[in-house]
Amino acid sequence: MNFALNGALKRIKNGCKIIGTAEQKRRIDMLITGANPFDLFVSRHVKPDPDHAVMTETMVLQYRQFYDRMAWRQQSDRMVQCGLQEAMRRIHGIAKSKDLQGADKRYRRGYRHCTLLPLARNSE
């Protein structure tokens, strides 16, 4: 399957169009972006917002809920945190901060200038 996805991705990057219905295009896009689930999650569920911040544990929790809805195999906490950190930097240009103050006045890690969008009730 990875071979087929890589071939399709190369064709798209080289300007070749894949003909199909809107639903088929949506499914192809889902497969291609699903090759990196962190990019898929961050691009769909994290929005830049200069007035908000998201704690790492909150983002990891919502990512796990997203992952469960997609029926994918879960990953370790460390892998999730590293993957989200890279995706946030790559997609939104936001680096992880170590000095965000939580509601309990304790400092925690997280991401400034963004907010999480709610997960859809239906499948992605």
Protein backbone atom coordinates (compact mmCIF):
# COMPACT_ATOMS: atom_id res chain seq x y z
CA MET A 1 0.00 0.00 0.00
CA ASN A 2 2.86 2.39 0.80
CA PHE A 3 4.25 1.71 -2.68
CA ALA A 4 0.94 2.71 -4.26
CA LEU A 5 0.64 5.82 -2.08
CA ASN A 6 4.19 6.90 -2.87
CA GLY A 7 3.55 6.43 -6.59
CA ALA A 8 0.32 8.43 -6.44
CA LEU A 9 2.03 11.18 -4.46
CA LYS A 10 4.86 11.41 -7.04
CA ARG A 11 2.32 11.66 -9.87
CA ILE A 12 0.45 14.45 -8.11
CA LYS A 13 3.67 16.36 -7.39
CA ASN A 14 4.68 16.05 -11.05
CA GLY A 15 1.43 17.66 -12.15
CA CYS A 16 -0.49 14.54 -13.16
CA LYS A 17 -4.15 14.76 -12.25
CA ILE A 18 -6.05 11.85 -10.80
CA ILE A 19 -9.56 11.80 -12.23
CA GLY A 20 -12.39 10.79 -9.95
CA THR A 21 -15.43 11.94 -8.02
CA ALA A 22 -15.19 14.39 -5.14
CA GLU A 23 -15.56 11.49 -2.70
CA GLN A 24 -12.72 9.57 -4.37
CA LYS A 25 -10.51 12.66 -4.24
CA ARG A 26 -11.32 13.11 -0.54
CA ARG A 27 -10.39 9.48 0.14
CA ILE A 28 -7.12 9.79 -1.79
CA ASP A 29 -6.25 12.97 0.10
CA MET A 30 -7.05 11.16 3.35
CA LEU A 31 -4.76 8.25 2.43
CA ILE A 32 -1.89 10.50 1.41
CA THR A 33 -2.11 12.73 4.48
CA GLY A 34 -2.81 9.68 6.64
CA ALA A 35 0.69 8.49 5.81
CA ASN A 36 1.70 11.00 8.49
CA PRO A 37 -1.12 11.03 11.08
CA PHE A 38 0.49 13.91 13.01
CA ASP A 39 0.35 16.19 9.96
CA LEU A 40 -3.25 15.16 9.33
CA PHE A 41 -4.28 15.94 12.92
CA VAL A 42 -2.41 19.25 13.14
CA SER A 43 -3.65 20.49 9.77
CA ARG A 44 -7.27 19.66 10.58
CA HIS A 45 -7.57 20.28 14.31
CA VAL A 46 -5.05 22.96 15.30
CA LYS A 47 -5.67 26.57 14.31
CA PRO A 48 -3.26 29.48 14.82
CA ASP A 49 -4.70 31.90 17.35
CA PRO A 50 -2.54 34.64 18.89
CA ASP A 51 -4.70 34.85 22.03
CA HIS A 52 -4.62 31.19 23.10
CA ALA A 53 -2.27 28.39 24.04
CA VAL A 54 -2.66 24.61 24.22
CA MET A 55 -1.01 22.46 26.87
CA THR A 56 0.84 19.41 25.57
CA GLU A 57 -1.28 16.97 27.60
CA THR A 58 -4.49 18.47 26.17
CA MET A 59 -3.21 18.13 22.61
CA VAL A 60 -2.04 14.55 23.20
CA LEU A 61 -5.44 13.62 24.67
CA GLN A 62 -7.32 15.04 21.67
CA TYR A 63 -4.84 13.40 19.28
CA ARG A 64 -5.52 10.02 20.94
CA GLN A 65 -9.28 10.55 20.55
CA PHE A 66 -8.74 11.39 16.87
CA TYR A 67 -6.55 8.31 16.47
CA ASP A 68 -9.21 6.09 18.07
CA ARG A 69 -11.87 7.43 15.70
CA MET A 70 -9.62 6.61 12.75
CA ALA A 71 -9.22 3.06 14.17
CA TRP A 72 -5.43 3.22 13.95
CA ARG A 73 -2.98 1.43 16.23
CA GLN A 74 -1.98 3.60 19.20
CA GLN A 75 1.56 4.86 19.66
CA SER A 76 3.65 5.51 22.76
CA ASP A 77 3.28 8.84 24.57
CA ARG A 78 6.84 9.81 23.66
CA MET A 79 6.26 9.09 19.97
CA VAL A 80 3.02 11.11 20.01
CA GLN A 81 4.67 14.10 21.71
CA CYS A 82 7.63 14.08 19.28
CA GLY A 83 5.39 13.65 16.23
CA LEU A 84 3.07 16.48 17.28
CA GLN A 85 6.04 18.74 18.03
CA GLU A 86 7.49 18.20 14.54
CA ALA A 87 4.10 18.65 12.86
CA MET A 88 3.41 21.88 14.76
CA ARG A 89 6.77 23.29 13.68
CA ARG A 90 6.37 22.15 10.07
CA ILE A 91 2.73 23.17 9.51
CA HIS A 92 2.21 26.23 11.73
CA GLY A 93 5.78 27.27 12.55
CA ILE A 94 5.04 26.97 16.28
CA ALA A 95 7.68 25.58 18.63
CA LYS A 96 6.92 23.95 21.97
CA SER A 97 7.18 26.29 24.95
CA LYS A 98 8.20 25.20 28.45
CA ASP A 99 6.71 28.07 30.41
CA LEU A 100 2.94 28.06 29.91
CA GLN A 101 1.03 28.63 33.11
CA GLY A 102 -1.92 26.30 33.67
CA ALA A 103 -5.14 26.94 35.58
CA ASP A 104 -3.44 25.56 38.70
CA LYS A 105 -0.68 28.23 38.34
CA ARG A 106 1.94 25.55 37.62
CA TYR A 107 4.16 25.90 34.60
CA ARG A 108 3.72 23.29 31.89
CA ARG A 109 4.81 22.54 28.35
CA GLY A 110 2.64 23.44 25.41
CA TYR A 111 2.17 25.56 22.32
CA ARG A 112 1.55 29.31 22.29
CA HIS A 113 -0.59 31.12 19.73
CA CYS A 114 -2.87 28.24 18.73
CA THR A 115 -6.12 26.57 19.68
CA LEU A 116 -7.63 23.13 19.17
CA LEU A 117 -10.68 22.72 16.99
CA PRO A 118 -13.25 20.21 18.25
CA LEU A 119 -13.29 16.74 16.74
CA ALA A 120 -16.28 16.03 14.53
CA ARG A 121 -18.81 13.67 16.04
CA ASN A 122 -18.85 11.54 12.91
CA SER A 123 -15.84 9.76 11.48
CA GLU A 124 -13.19 11.91 9.85
